[in-house]
Amino acid sequence: MDDFLALLREDMGIPLTAEDTGLPLDQVAGWDSLHLLSLLTLLERRTGRSVPLADVLEAETLKDIYRLAVEA
């Protein structure tokens, strides 16, 4: 989770805490669909694995997206 938060903070410029990852995406300050696509791309580059877009679109929180990336 620390690497995930660093990715959000440093690569995407979104200042989040671990607690923020449990918020519904529509409550994350400054979050939008472009962030979602950027995050997906960054995760796939970092992990070298594909993360299914359909699953990411169903995610309700950043923590859900993190789990998808780790389990992919």
PDB file of N, CA and C in Angstrom:
ATOM      1  N   MET A   1       0.826  -1.191   0.000  1.00  0.00           N
ATOM      2  CA  MET A   1       0.000   0.000   0.000  1.00  0.00           C
ATOM      3  C   MET A   1       0.869   1.253   0.000  1.00  0.00           C
ATOM      4  N   ASP A   2       2.032   1.201   0.635  1.00  0.00           N
ATOM      5  CA  ASP A   2       2.913   2.376   0.657  1.00  0.00           C
ATOM      6  C   ASP A   2       3.358   2.771  -0.744  1.00  0.00           C
ATOM      7  N   ASP A   3       3.710   1.783  -1.555  1.00  0.00           N
ATOM      8  CA  ASP A   3       4.114   2.071  -2.939  1.00  0.00           C
ATOM      9  C   ASP A   3       2.942   2.637  -3.738  1.00  0.00           C
ATOM     10  N   PHE A   4       1.764   2.132  -3.490  1.00  0.00           N
ATOM     11  CA  PHE A   4       0.562   2.610  -4.161  1.00  0.00           C
ATOM     12  C   PHE A   4       0.304   4.076  -3.811  1.00  0.00           C
ATOM     13  N   LEU A   5       0.409   4.409  -2.530  1.00  0.00           N
ATOM     14  CA  LEU A   5       0.222   5.792  -2.100  1.00  0.00           C
ATOM     15  C   LEU A   5       1.298   6.694  -2.690  1.00  0.00           C
ATOM     16  N   ALA A   6       2.526   6.206  -2.738  1.00  0.00           N
ATOM     17  CA  ALA A   6       3.605   6.996  -3.338  1.00  0.00           C
ATOM     18  C   ALA A   6       3.315   7.266  -4.809  1.00  0.00           C
ATOM     19  N   LEU A   7       2.800   6.291  -5.504  1.00  0.00           N
ATOM     20  CA  LEU A   7       2.428   6.453  -6.910  1.00  0.00           C
ATOM     21  C   LEU A   7       1.369   7.548  -7.057  1.00  0.00           C
ATOM     22  N   LEU A   8       0.366   7.512  -6.213  1.00  0.00           N
ATOM     23  CA  LEU A   8      -0.690   8.520  -6.260  1.00  0.00           C
ATOM     24  C   LEU A   8      -0.153   9.910  -5.932  1.00  0.00           C
ATOM     25  N   ARG A   9       0.708   9.978  -4.931  1.00  0.00           N
ATOM     26  CA  ARG A   9       1.244  11.276  -4.501  1.00  0.00           C
ATOM     27  C   ARG A   9       2.277  11.829  -5.469  1.00  0.00           C
ATOM     28  N   GLU A  10       3.266  11.018  -5.786  1.00  0.00           N
ATOM     29  CA  GLU A  10       4.410  11.503  -6.553  1.00  0.00           C
ATOM     30  C   GLU A  10       4.174  11.516  -8.059  1.00  0.00           C
ATOM     31  N   ASP A  11       3.629  10.457  -8.594  1.00  0.00           N
ATOM     32  CA  ASP A  11       3.456  10.367 -10.039  1.00  0.00           C
ATOM     33  C   ASP A  11       2.191  11.067 -10.525  1.00  0.00           C
ATOM     34  N   MET A  12       1.169  11.065  -9.676  1.00  0.00           N
ATOM     35  CA  MET A  12      -0.098  11.656 -10.103  1.00  0.00           C
ATOM     36  C   MET A  12      -0.375  13.000  -9.438  1.00  0.00           C
ATOM     37  N   GLY A  13       0.409  13.341  -8.415  1.00  0.00           N
ATOM     38  CA  GLY A  13       0.244  14.627  -7.753  1.00  0.00           C
ATOM     39  C   GLY A  13      -1.016  14.746  -6.913  1.00  0.00           C
ATOM     40  N   ILE A  14      -1.494  13.618  -6.400  1.00  0.00           N
ATOM     41  CA  ILE A  14      -2.705  13.631  -5.574  1.00  0.00           C
ATOM     42  C   ILE A  14      -2.293  13.352  -4.121  1.00  0.00           C
ATOM     43  N   PRO A  15      -2.402  14.355  -3.259  1.00  0.00           N
ATOM     44  CA  PRO A  15      -1.979  14.178  -1.862  1.00  0.00           C
ATOM     45  C   PRO A  15      -3.008  13.391  -1.047  1.00  0.00           C
ATOM     46  N   LEU A  16      -2.809  12.088  -0.952  1.00  0.00           N
ATOM     47  CA  LEU A  16      -3.759  11.222  -0.249  1.00  0.00           C
ATOM     48  C   LEU A  16      -3.104  10.556   0.946  1.00  0.00           C
ATOM     49  N   THR A  17      -3.932  10.166   1.889  1.00  0.00           N
ATOM     50  CA  THR A  17      -3.486   9.381   3.034  1.00  0.00           C
ATOM     51  C   THR A  17      -4.020   7.954   2.876  1.00  0.00           C
ATOM     52  N   ALA A  18      -3.556   7.073   3.712  1.00  0.00           N
ATOM     53  CA  ALA A  18      -4.044   5.688   3.676  1.00  0.00           C
ATOM     54  C   ALA A  18      -5.549   5.649   3.938  1.00  0.00           C
ATOM     55  N   GLU A  19      -6.040   6.538   4.792  1.00  0.00           N
ATOM     56  CA  GLU A  19      -7.467   6.585   5.092  1.00  0.00           C
ATOM     57  C   GLU A  19      -8.280   6.980   3.853  1.00  0.00           C
ATOM     58  N   ASP A  20      -7.707   7.842   3.012  1.00  0.00           N
ATOM     59  CA  ASP A  20      -8.406   8.278   1.797  1.00  0.00           C
ATOM     60  C   ASP A  20      -8.665   7.132   0.833  1.00  0.00           C
ATOM     61  N   THR A  21      -7.853   6.086   0.894  1.00  0.00           N
ATOM     62  CA  THR A  21      -8.016   4.980  -0.046  1.00  0.00           C
ATOM     63  C   THR A  21      -9.296   4.192   0.202  1.00  0.00           C
ATOM     64  N   GLY A  22      -9.902   4.374   1.371  1.00  0.00           N
ATOM     65  CA  GLY A  22     -11.149   3.684   1.685  1.00  0.00           C
ATOM     66  C   GLY A  22     -12.389   4.494   1.359  1.00  0.00           C
ATOM     67  N   LEU A  23     -12.195   5.754   0.946  1.00  0.00           N
ATOM     68  CA  LEU A  23     -13.333   6.600   0.588  1.00  0.00           C
ATOM     69  C   LEU A  23     -13.925   6.185  -0.756  1.00  0.00           C
ATOM     70  N   PRO A  24     -15.224   6.369  -0.928  1.00  0.00           N
ATOM     71  CA  PRO A  24     -15.802   6.178  -2.264  1.00  0.00           C
ATOM     72  C   PRO A  24     -15.087   7.126  -3.239  1.00  0.00           C
ATOM     73  N   LEU A  25     -14.839   6.668  -4.449  1.00  0.00           N
ATOM     74  CA  LEU A  25     -14.069   7.464  -5.408  1.00  0.00           C
ATOM     75  C   LEU A  25     -14.672   8.853  -5.632  1.00  0.00           C
ATOM     76  N   ASP A  26     -15.987   8.971  -5.570  1.00  0.00           N
ATOM     77  CA  ASP A  26     -16.596  10.279  -5.790  1.00  0.00           C
ATOM     78  C   ASP A  26     -16.396  11.238  -4.614  1.00  0.00           C
ATOM     79  N   GLN A  27     -15.802  10.742  -3.523  1.00  0.00           N
ATOM     80  CA  GLN A  27     -15.501  11.584  -2.375  1.00  0.00           C
ATOM     81  C   GLN A  27     -14.016  11.900  -2.243  1.00  0.00           C
ATOM     82  N   VAL A  28     -13.198  11.344  -3.128  1.00  0.00           N
ATOM     83  CA  VAL A  28     -11.760  11.616  -3.110  1.00  0.00           C
ATOM     84  C   VAL A  28     -11.538  12.980  -3.760  1.00  0.00           C
ATOM     85  N   ALA A  29     -10.938  13.884  -3.014  1.00  0.00           N
ATOM     86  CA  ALA A  29     -10.740  15.254  -3.493  1.00  0.00           C
ATOM     87  C   ALA A  29      -9.973  15.276  -4.811  1.00  0.00           C
ATOM     88  N   GLY A  30     -10.557  15.906  -5.818  1.00  0.00           N
ATOM     89  CA  GLY A  30      -9.901  16.077  -7.109  1.00  0.00           C
ATOM     90  C   GLY A  30      -9.926  14.862  -8.023  1.00  0.00           C
ATOM     91  N   TRP A  31     -10.541  13.779  -7.597  1.00  0.00           N
ATOM     92  CA  TRP A  31     -10.545  12.546  -8.387  1.00  0.00           C
ATOM     93  C   TRP A  31     -11.515  12.652  -9.551  1.00  0.00           C
ATOM     94  N   ASP A  32     -11.092  12.155 -10.722  1.00  0.00           N
ATOM     95  CA  ASP A  32     -11.988  12.098 -11.877  1.00  0.00           C
ATOM     96  C   ASP A  32     -11.610  10.913 -12.757  1.00  0.00           C
ATOM     97  N   SER A  33     -12.336  10.733 -13.848  1.00  0.00           N
ATOM     98  CA  SER A  33     -12.118   9.566 -14.706  1.00  0.00           C
ATOM     99  C   SER A  33     -10.745   9.584 -15.371  1.00  0.00           C
ATOM    100  N   LEU A  34     -10.200  10.753 -15.620  1.00  0.00           N
ATOM    101  CA  LEU A  34      -8.850  10.811 -16.196  1.00  0.00           C
ATOM    102  C   LEU A  34      -7.815  10.285 -15.217  1.00  0.00           C
ATOM    103  N   HIS A  35      -8.005  10.564 -13.934  1.00  0.00           N
ATOM    104  CA  HIS A  35      -7.108  10.012 -12.921  1.00  0.00           C
ATOM    105  C   HIS A  35      -7.183   8.485 -12.915  1.00  0.00           C
ATOM    106  N   LEU A  36      -8.393   7.981 -13.081  1.00  0.00           N
ATOM    107  CA  LEU A  36      -8.583   6.532 -13.090  1.00  0.00           C
ATOM    108  C   LEU A  36      -7.793   5.881 -14.222  1.00  0.00           C
ATOM    109  N   LEU A  37      -7.896   6.439 -15.413  1.00  0.00           N
ATOM    110  CA  LEU A  37      -7.171   5.879 -16.559  1.00  0.00           C
ATOM    111  C   LEU A  37      -5.661   6.041 -16.399  1.00  0.00           C
ATOM    112  N   SER A  38      -5.234   7.171 -15.871  1.00  0.00           N
ATOM    113  CA  SER A  38      -3.802   7.393 -15.631  1.00  0.00           C
ATOM    114  C   SER A  38      -3.275   6.397 -14.606  1.00  0.00           C
ATOM    115  N   LEU A  39      -4.042   6.195 -13.545  1.00  0.00           N
ATOM    116  CA  LEU A  39      -3.631   5.247 -12.516  1.00  0.00           C
ATOM    117  C   LEU A  39      -3.527   3.841 -13.082  1.00  0.00           C
ATOM    118  N   LEU A  40      -4.496   3.444 -13.866  1.00  0.00           N
ATOM    119  CA  LEU A  40      -4.470   2.115 -14.478  1.00  0.00           C
ATOM    120  C   LEU A  40      -3.215   1.935 -15.326  1.00  0.00           C
ATOM    121  N   THR A  41      -2.893   2.930 -16.124  1.00  0.00           N
ATOM    122  CA  THR A  41      -1.702   2.865 -16.974  1.00  0.00           C
ATOM    123  C   THR A  41      -0.433   2.765 -16.128  1.00  0.00           C
ATOM    124  N   LEU A  42      -0.335   3.586 -15.092  1.00  0.00           N
ATOM    125  CA  LEU A  42       0.843   3.560 -14.224  1.00  0.00           C
ATOM    126  C   LEU A  42       0.983   2.219 -13.512  1.00  0.00           C
ATOM    127  N   LEU A  43      -0.134   1.677 -13.042  1.00  0.00           N
ATOM    128  CA  LEU A  43      -0.092   0.384 -12.355  1.00  0.00           C
ATOM    129  C   LEU A  43       0.373  -0.727 -13.286  1.00  0.00           C
ATOM    130  N   GLU A  44      -0.111  -0.710 -14.510  1.00  0.00           N
ATOM    131  CA  GLU A  44       0.293  -1.747 -15.459  1.00  0.00           C
ATOM    132  C   GLU A  44       1.774  -1.619 -15.807  1.00  0.00           C
ATOM    133  N   ARG A  45       2.254  -0.398 -15.936  1.00  0.00           N
ATOM    134  CA  ARG A  45       3.689  -0.202 -16.214  1.00  0.00           C
ATOM    135  C   ARG A  45       4.544  -0.662 -15.044  1.00  0.00           C
ATOM    136  N   ARG A  46       4.130  -0.303 -13.831  1.00  0.00           N
ATOM    137  CA  ARG A  46       4.915  -0.646 -12.643  1.00  0.00           C
ATOM    138  C   ARG A  46       4.919  -2.132 -12.345  1.00  0.00           C
ATOM    139  N   THR A  47       3.761  -2.776 -12.530  1.00  0.00           N
ATOM    140  CA  THR A  47       3.661  -4.188 -12.173  1.00  0.00           C
ATOM    141  C   THR A  47       4.018  -5.117 -13.330  1.00  0.00           C
ATOM    142  N   GLY A  48       3.938  -4.594 -14.559  1.00  0.00           N
ATOM    143  CA  GLY A  48       4.185  -5.438 -15.712  1.00  0.00           C
ATOM    144  C   GLY A  48       3.040  -6.394 -15.999  1.00  0.00           C
ATOM    145  N   ARG A  49       1.910  -6.159 -15.352  1.00  0.00           N
ATOM    146  CA  ARG A  49       0.739  -7.011 -15.530  1.00  0.00           C
ATOM    147  C   ARG A  49      -0.445  -6.178 -15.971  1.00  0.00           C
ATOM    148  N   SER A  50      -1.350  -6.809 -16.664  1.00  0.00           N
ATOM    149  CA  SER A  50      -2.574  -6.159 -17.093  1.00  0.00           C
ATOM    150  C   SER A  50      -3.584  -6.168 -15.951  1.00  0.00           C
ATOM    151  N   VAL A  51      -4.220  -5.035 -15.754  1.00  0.00           N
ATOM    152  CA  VAL A  51      -5.293  -4.935 -14.772  1.00  0.00           C
ATOM    153  C   VAL A  51      -6.574  -4.710 -15.574  1.00  0.00           C
ATOM    154  N   PRO A  52      -7.537  -5.625 -15.469  1.00  0.00           N
ATOM    155  CA  PRO A  52      -8.745  -5.536 -16.295  1.00  0.00           C
ATOM    156  C   PRO A  52      -9.513  -4.232 -16.082  1.00  0.00           C
ATOM    157  N   LEU A  53      -9.695  -3.485 -17.150  1.00  0.00           N
ATOM    158  CA  LEU A  53     -10.395  -2.208 -17.092  1.00  0.00           C
ATOM    159  C   LEU A  53     -11.814  -2.383 -16.556  1.00  0.00           C
ATOM    160  N   ALA A  54     -12.499  -3.416 -16.975  1.00  0.00           N
ATOM    161  CA  ALA A  54     -13.875  -3.641 -16.510  1.00  0.00           C
ATOM    162  C   ALA A  54     -13.922  -3.766 -14.988  1.00  0.00           C
ATOM    163  N   ASP A  55     -12.953  -4.450 -14.412  1.00  0.00           N
ATOM    164  CA  ASP A  55     -12.899  -4.603 -12.954  1.00  0.00           C
ATOM    165  C   ASP A  55     -12.585  -3.271 -12.283  1.00  0.00           C
ATOM    166  N   VAL A  56     -11.680  -2.504 -12.870  1.00  0.00           N
ATOM    167  CA  VAL A  56     -11.317  -1.199 -12.307  1.00  0.00           C
ATOM    168  C   VAL A  56     -12.516  -0.260 -12.342  1.00  0.00           C
ATOM    169  N   LEU A  57     -13.292  -0.318 -13.399  1.00  0.00           N
ATOM    170  CA  LEU A  57     -14.468   0.545 -13.510  1.00  0.00           C
ATOM    171  C   LEU A  57     -15.533   0.206 -12.465  1.00  0.00           C
ATOM    172  N   GLU A  58     -15.528  -1.014 -11.981  1.00  0.00           N
ATOM    173  CA  GLU A  58     -16.473  -1.422 -10.944  1.00  0.00           C
ATOM    174  C   GLU A  58     -15.965  -1.120  -9.541  1.00  0.00           C
ATOM    175  N   ALA A  59     -14.700  -0.759  -9.414  1.00  0.00           N
ATOM    176  CA  ALA A  59     -14.119  -0.474  -8.104  1.00  0.00           C
ATOM    177  C   ALA A  59     -14.804   0.732  -7.476  1.00  0.00           C
ATOM    178  N   GLU A  60     -15.037   0.635  -6.180  1.00  0.00           N
ATOM    179  CA  GLU A  60     -15.696   1.721  -5.464  1.00  0.00           C
ATOM    180  C   GLU A  60     -14.712   2.618  -4.729  1.00  0.00           C
ATOM    181  N   THR A  61     -13.516   2.087  -4.440  1.00  0.00           N
ATOM    182  CA  THR A  61     -12.516   2.841  -3.686  1.00  0.00           C
ATOM    183  C   THR A  61     -11.135   2.629  -4.302  1.00  0.00           C
ATOM    184  N   LEU A  62     -10.202   3.460  -3.903  1.00  0.00           N
ATOM    185  CA  LEU A  62      -8.819   3.267  -4.341  1.00  0.00           C
ATOM    186  C   LEU A  62      -8.254   1.968  -3.759  1.00  0.00           C
ATOM    187  N   LYS A  63      -8.713   1.617  -2.573  1.00  0.00           N
ATOM    188  CA  LYS A  63      -8.287   0.348  -1.961  1.00  0.00           C
ATOM    189  C   LYS A  63      -8.715  -0.827  -2.831  1.00  0.00           C
ATOM    190  N   ASP A  64      -9.908  -0.753  -3.430  1.00  0.00           N
ATOM    191  CA  ASP A  64     -10.361  -1.795  -4.356  1.00  0.00           C
ATOM    192  C   ASP A  64      -9.443  -1.883  -5.567  1.00  0.00           C
ATOM    193  N   ILE A  65      -9.048  -0.738  -6.096  1.00  0.00           N
ATOM    194  CA  ILE A  65      -8.140  -0.699  -7.256  1.00  0.00           C
ATOM    195  C   ILE A  65      -6.791  -1.285  -6.880  1.00  0.00           C
ATOM    196  N   TYR A  66      -6.316  -0.950  -5.707  1.00  0.00           N
ATOM    197  CA  TYR A  66      -5.045  -1.503  -5.204  1.00  0.00           C
ATOM    198  C   TYR A  66      -5.115  -3.032  -5.159  1.00  0.00           C
ATOM    199  N   ARG A  67      -6.193  -3.553  -4.614  1.00  0.00           N
ATOM    200  CA  ARG A  67      -6.338  -5.015  -4.526  1.00  0.00           C
ATOM    201  C   ARG A  67      -6.337  -5.653  -5.912  1.00  0.00           C
ATOM    202  N   LEU A  68      -7.020  -5.027  -6.857  1.00  0.00           N
ATOM    203  CA  LEU A  68      -7.041  -5.550  -8.225  1.00  0.00           C
ATOM    204  C   LEU A  68      -5.628  -5.589  -8.809  1.00  0.00           C
ATOM    205  N   ALA A  69      -4.857  -4.540  -8.564  1.00  0.00           N
ATOM    206  CA  ALA A  69      -3.507  -4.465  -9.107  1.00  0.00           C
ATOM    207  C   ALA A  69      -2.583  -5.504  -8.474  1.00  0.00           C
ATOM    208  N   VAL A  70      -2.757  -5.722  -7.181  1.00  0.00           N
ATOM    209  CA  VAL A  70      -1.902  -6.676  -6.458  1.00  0.00           C
ATOM    210  C   VAL A  70      -2.275  -8.107  -6.821  1.00  0.00           C
ATOM    211  N   GLU A  71      -3.556  -8.347  -7.000  1.00  0.00           N
ATOM    212  CA  GLU A  71      -4.029  -9.701  -7.286  1.00  0.00           C
ATOM    213  C   GLU A  71      -3.970 -10.070  -8.756  1.00  0.00           C
ATOM    214  N   ALA A  72      -3.779  -9.086  -9.631  1.00  0.00           N
ATOM    215  CA  ALA A  72      -3.773  -9.342 -11.082  1.00  0.00           C
ATOM    216  C   ALA A  72      -2.678 -10.306 -11.480  1.00  0.00           C
TER     217      ALA A  72
END
